Amino acid sequence: MAVTLLTVAIVVAALVIRTAVAELRAPGSARRQWAFLTDRRAWAIGVGTALVLGAFGWATAGPTAALWAALAGLLVASLTGTAEKDD
């Protein structure tokens, strides 16, 4: 469990570092990258994905799969978020 937790934490840290570097290069880009956090549709899809993967993963791999399911839900939500593009 500790190795899984550490690996998921490293992946999340890499995403945050990626956002910080993008923000340094183009101010305001972090707000656009994380805009999915306020999008209800993205949250619903992300939570649904996490629940389905978590249930399937828990049945096959045990409780450590729940962490990966939560990370997958976050990534799916970020991909489906409808960020408004500035013209």
C-alpha atoms as a PDB file:
ATOM      1  CA  MET A   1       0.000   0.000   0.000  1.00  0.00           C
ATOM      2  CA  ALA A   2       2.831   2.416   0.812  1.00  0.00           C
ATOM      3  CA  VAL A   3       4.432   1.982  -2.611  1.00  0.00           C
ATOM      4  CA  THR A   4       1.110   2.609  -4.346  1.00  0.00           C
ATOM      5  CA  LEU A   5       0.449   5.707  -2.276  1.00  0.00           C
ATOM      6  CA  LEU A   6       3.927   7.039  -3.025  1.00  0.00           C
ATOM      7  CA  THR A   7       3.570   6.374  -6.749  1.00  0.00           C
ATOM      8  CA  VAL A   8       0.200   8.135  -6.952  1.00  0.00           C
ATOM      9  CA  ALA A   9       1.627  11.073  -4.967  1.00  0.00           C
ATOM     10  CA  ILE A  10       4.530  11.320  -7.437  1.00  0.00           C
ATOM     11  CA  VAL A  11       2.123  11.378 -10.392  1.00  0.00           C
ATOM     12  CA  VAL A  12       0.024  14.120  -8.778  1.00  0.00           C
ATOM     13  CA  ALA A  13       3.177  16.108  -7.937  1.00  0.00           C
ATOM     14  CA  ALA A  14       4.303  15.821 -11.557  1.00  0.00           C
ATOM     15  CA  LEU A  15       0.957  17.245 -12.702  1.00  0.00           C
ATOM     16  CA  VAL A  16       1.269  20.153 -10.272  1.00  0.00           C
ATOM     17  CA  ILE A  17       4.845  20.851 -11.383  1.00  0.00           C
ATOM     18  CA  ARG A  18       3.710  20.746 -15.015  1.00  0.00           C
ATOM     19  CA  THR A  19       1.050  23.337 -14.178  1.00  0.00           C
ATOM     20  CA  ALA A  20       3.580  25.548 -12.366  1.00  0.00           C
ATOM     21  CA  VAL A  21       6.001  25.487 -15.299  1.00  0.00           C
ATOM     22  CA  ALA A  22       3.190  26.311 -17.727  1.00  0.00           C
ATOM     23  CA  GLU A  23       2.103  29.187 -15.468  1.00  0.00           C
ATOM     24  CA  LEU A  24       5.625  30.611 -15.466  1.00  0.00           C
ATOM     25  CA  ARG A  25       5.729  30.497 -19.263  1.00  0.00           C
ATOM     26  CA  ALA A  26       2.202  31.835 -19.845  1.00  0.00           C
ATOM     27  CA  PRO A  27       0.519  33.579 -16.909  1.00  0.00           C
ATOM     28  CA  GLY A  28      -3.110  32.504 -16.532  1.00  0.00           C
ATOM     29  CA  SER A  29      -2.613  29.068 -18.026  1.00  0.00           C
ATOM     30  CA  ALA A  30      -2.962  27.321 -14.664  1.00  0.00           C
ATOM     31  CA  ARG A  31      -6.469  28.674 -14.251  1.00  0.00           C
ATOM     32  CA  ARG A  32      -7.390  27.266 -17.663  1.00  0.00           C
ATOM     33  CA  GLN A  33      -5.769  23.901 -16.934  1.00  0.00           C
ATOM     34  CA  TRP A  34      -7.607  23.436 -13.638  1.00  0.00           C
ATOM     35  CA  ALA A  35     -10.930  25.004 -14.736  1.00  0.00           C
ATOM     36  CA  PHE A  36     -12.473  21.531 -14.809  1.00  0.00           C
ATOM     37  CA  LEU A  37     -12.636  21.649 -10.992  1.00  0.00           C
ATOM     38  CA  THR A  38     -15.619  24.013 -11.259  1.00  0.00           C
ATOM     39  CA  ASP A  39     -17.314  22.122 -14.103  1.00  0.00           C
ATOM     40  CA  ARG A  40     -20.172  19.929 -12.823  1.00  0.00           C
ATOM     41  CA  ARG A  41     -20.207  17.757 -15.939  1.00  0.00           C
ATOM     42  CA  ALA A  42     -16.491  17.010 -15.618  1.00  0.00           C
ATOM     43  CA  TRP A  43     -16.948  16.193 -11.912  1.00  0.00           C
ATOM     44  CA  ALA A  44     -19.820  13.819 -12.676  1.00  0.00           C
ATOM     45  CA  ILE A  45     -17.870  11.984 -15.363  1.00  0.00           C
ATOM     46  CA  GLY A  46     -14.735  11.844 -13.201  1.00  0.00           C
ATOM     47  CA  VAL A  47     -16.570  10.542 -10.140  1.00  0.00           C
ATOM     48  CA  GLY A  48     -18.431   7.990 -12.256  1.00  0.00           C
ATOM     49  CA  THR A  49     -15.172   6.777 -13.743  1.00  0.00           C
ATOM     50  CA  ALA A  50     -13.546   6.558 -10.317  1.00  0.00           C
ATOM     51  CA  LEU A  51     -16.475   4.601  -8.891  1.00  0.00           C
ATOM     52  CA  VAL A  52     -16.587   2.103 -11.747  1.00  0.00           C
ATOM     53  CA  LEU A  53     -12.832   1.596 -11.818  1.00  0.00           C
ATOM     54  CA  GLY A  54     -12.670   1.525  -8.034  1.00  0.00           C
ATOM     55  CA  ALA A  55     -15.337  -1.161  -7.744  1.00  0.00           C
ATOM     56  CA  PHE A  56     -13.775  -3.281 -10.468  1.00  0.00           C
ATOM     57  CA  GLY A  57     -10.255  -2.715  -9.149  1.00  0.00           C
ATOM     58  CA  TRP A  58     -11.211  -3.449  -5.540  1.00  0.00           C
ATOM     59  CA  ALA A  59     -12.743  -6.760  -6.618  1.00  0.00           C
ATOM     60  CA  THR A  60      -9.699  -7.795  -8.627  1.00  0.00           C
ATOM     61  CA  ALA A  61      -6.673  -6.127  -7.025  1.00  0.00           C
ATOM     62  CA  GLY A  62      -7.798  -5.089  -3.557  1.00  0.00           C
ATOM     63  CA  PRO A  63      -8.011  -1.723  -1.820  1.00  0.00           C
ATOM     64  CA  THR A  64      -4.888  -0.252  -3.425  1.00  0.00           C
ATOM     65  CA  ALA A  65      -6.823   0.007  -6.672  1.00  0.00           C
ATOM     66  CA  ALA A  66      -8.987   2.729  -5.109  1.00  0.00           C
ATOM     67  CA  LEU A  67      -6.075   5.196  -5.235  1.00  0.00           C
ATOM     68  CA  TRP A  68      -5.483   4.502  -8.902  1.00  0.00           C
ATOM     69  CA  ALA A  69      -9.214   4.795  -9.581  1.00  0.00           C
ATOM     70  CA  ALA A  70      -9.283   8.217  -7.903  1.00  0.00           C
ATOM     71  CA  LEU A  71      -6.314   9.358  -9.996  1.00  0.00           C
ATOM     72  CA  ALA A  72      -7.965   8.040 -13.153  1.00  0.00           C
ATOM     73  CA  GLY A  73     -11.158   9.903 -12.256  1.00  0.00           C
ATOM     74  CA  LEU A  74      -9.186  13.119 -11.824  1.00  0.00           C
ATOM     75  CA  LEU A  75      -7.482  12.662 -15.185  1.00  0.00           C
ATOM     76  CA  VAL A  76     -10.759  11.840 -16.957  1.00  0.00           C
ATOM     77  CA  ALA A  77     -12.395  14.901 -15.412  1.00  0.00           C
ATOM     78  CA  SER A  78      -9.513  17.076 -16.595  1.00  0.00           C
ATOM     79  CA  LEU A  79      -9.879  15.740 -20.123  1.00  0.00           C
ATOM     80  CA  THR A  80     -13.647  16.212 -20.270  1.00  0.00           C
ATOM     81  CA  GLY A  81     -13.706  19.639 -18.652  1.00  0.00           C
ATOM     82  CA  THR A  82     -15.080  22.349 -20.903  1.00  0.00           C
ATOM     83  CA  ALA A  83     -12.553  25.108 -20.434  1.00  0.00           C
ATOM     84  CA  GLU A  84     -13.569  28.291 -22.208  1.00  0.00           C
ATOM     85  CA  LYS A  85     -10.945  29.323 -24.709  1.00  0.00           C
ATOM     86  CA  ASP A  86      -9.764  32.939 -24.827  1.00  0.00           C
ATOM     87  CA  ASP A  87      -9.620  34.391 -28.329  1.00  0.00           C
END
